[in-house]
């Protein structure tokens, strides 16, 4: 049995949204604690991006849609480890 590919929900830094707003959205939709949300926002602010959640595409799709509809810049990306799996 082959495991489903892993995906990452990536948060991008922007100059539009307030950090507290982004943190509140991460806590509500990604189920982050206050500390987790704060760390993700700080990492995205300093490095430009931060992986805020990992999992199957089907589990992350709705979260991606919700955050995007709220003006949060996120993207659902296939994990790089999937690229190194042998083809059958």
Protein backbone atom coordinates (compact mmCIF):
# COMPACT_ATOMS: atom_id res chain seq x y z
CA UNK A 1 0.00 0.00 0.00
CA UNK A 2 1.42 3.36 -1.01
CA UNK A 3 1.08 6.37 1.28
CA UNK A 4 -0.52 9.57 0.03
CA UNK A 5 1.81 12.37 -0.95
CA UNK A 6 2.51 14.93 1.73
CA UNK A 7 1.72 18.60 1.12
CA UNK A 8 2.69 21.79 2.90
CA UNK A 9 0.56 24.85 3.53
CA UNK A 10 3.00 27.72 3.10
CA UNK A 11 2.39 31.17 4.59
CA UNK A 12 3.94 34.10 2.74
CA UNK A 13 4.93 37.39 4.31
CA UNK A 14 2.94 40.39 3.14
CA UNK A 15 2.81 44.05 3.99
CA UNK A 16 -1.00 44.17 4.03
CA UNK A 17 -2.18 42.07 6.97
CA UNK A 18 -1.54 42.85 10.61
CA UNK A 19 0.46 40.17 12.44
CA UNK A 20 -2.25 39.75 15.09
CA UNK A 21 -4.86 39.18 12.37
CA UNK A 22 -2.72 36.50 10.70
CA UNK A 23 -2.08 34.87 14.08
CA UNK A 24 -5.81 34.78 14.84
CA UNK A 25 -6.49 33.16 11.46
CA UNK A 26 -3.79 30.53 12.02
CA UNK A 27 -5.21 29.72 15.45
CA UNK A 28 -8.74 29.37 14.11
CA UNK A 29 -8.15 27.45 10.87
CA UNK A 30 -4.86 25.62 11.48
CA UNK A 31 -5.66 24.97 15.15
CA UNK A 32 -2.37 26.56 16.24
CA UNK A 33 -1.72 27.67 19.79
CA UNK A 34 -0.96 31.33 20.34
CA UNK A 35 2.76 30.52 20.53
CA UNK A 36 2.74 28.42 17.34
CA UNK A 37 0.90 31.13 15.43
CA UNK A 38 3.28 33.81 16.69
CA UNK A 39 6.33 31.76 15.69
CA UNK A 40 4.96 31.15 12.20
CA UNK A 41 4.22 34.84 11.68
CA UNK A 42 7.68 35.86 12.90
CA UNK A 43 9.38 33.27 10.66
CA UNK A 44 7.34 34.38 7.62
CA UNK A 45 8.15 38.01 8.41
CA UNK A 46 11.89 37.40 8.66
CA UNK A 47 12.39 34.68 6.00
CA UNK A 48 9.53 35.41 3.63
CA UNK A 49 7.75 32.06 4.06
CA UNK A 50 6.83 29.53 6.71
CA UNK A 51 5.24 26.09 6.49
CA UNK A 52 2.24 26.40 8.79
CA UNK A 53 0.72 22.94 8.33
CA UNK A 54 1.62 19.60 6.73
CA UNK A 55 -0.61 16.79 5.59
CA UNK A 56 -2.62 15.28 2.78
CA UNK A 57 -3.90 17.58 0.04
CA UNK A 58 -7.52 16.82 0.90
CA UNK A 59 -6.97 17.83 4.54
CA UNK A 60 -5.26 21.11 3.68
CA UNK A 61 -7.40 22.24 0.74
CA UNK A 62 -10.24 23.75 2.80
CA UNK A 63 -7.82 25.51 5.15
CA UNK A 64 -6.02 26.97 2.12
CA UNK A 65 -9.33 28.20 0.68
CA UNK A 66 -10.45 29.76 3.98
CA UNK A 67 -7.18 31.59 4.60
CA UNK A 68 -7.04 32.80 1.00
CA UNK A 69 -10.60 34.13 1.22
CA UNK A 70 -9.56 36.09 4.32
CA UNK A 71 -6.73 37.77 2.44
CA UNK A 72 -3.93 35.65 3.91
CA UNK A 73 -1.29 34.81 1.32
CA UNK A 74 -0.87 31.01 1.47
CA UNK A 75 -0.10 28.29 -1.04
CA UNK A 76 -0.56 24.53 -1.02
CA UNK A 77 2.68 22.95 -2.23
CA UNK A 78 3.73 19.36 -2.67
CA UNK A 79 6.43 18.44 -0.17
CA UNK A 80 9.89 18.13 -1.72
CA UNK A 81 10.29 14.65 -0.23
CA UNK A 82 7.62 13.47 -2.70
CA UNK A 83 9.92 14.38 -5.56
CA UNK A 84 12.49 11.80 -4.45
CA UNK A 85 10.17 8.80 -4.42
CA UNK A 86 10.96 6.15 -7.00
CA UNK A 87 8.52 5.99 -9.90
CA UNK A 88 6.66 2.71 -10.43
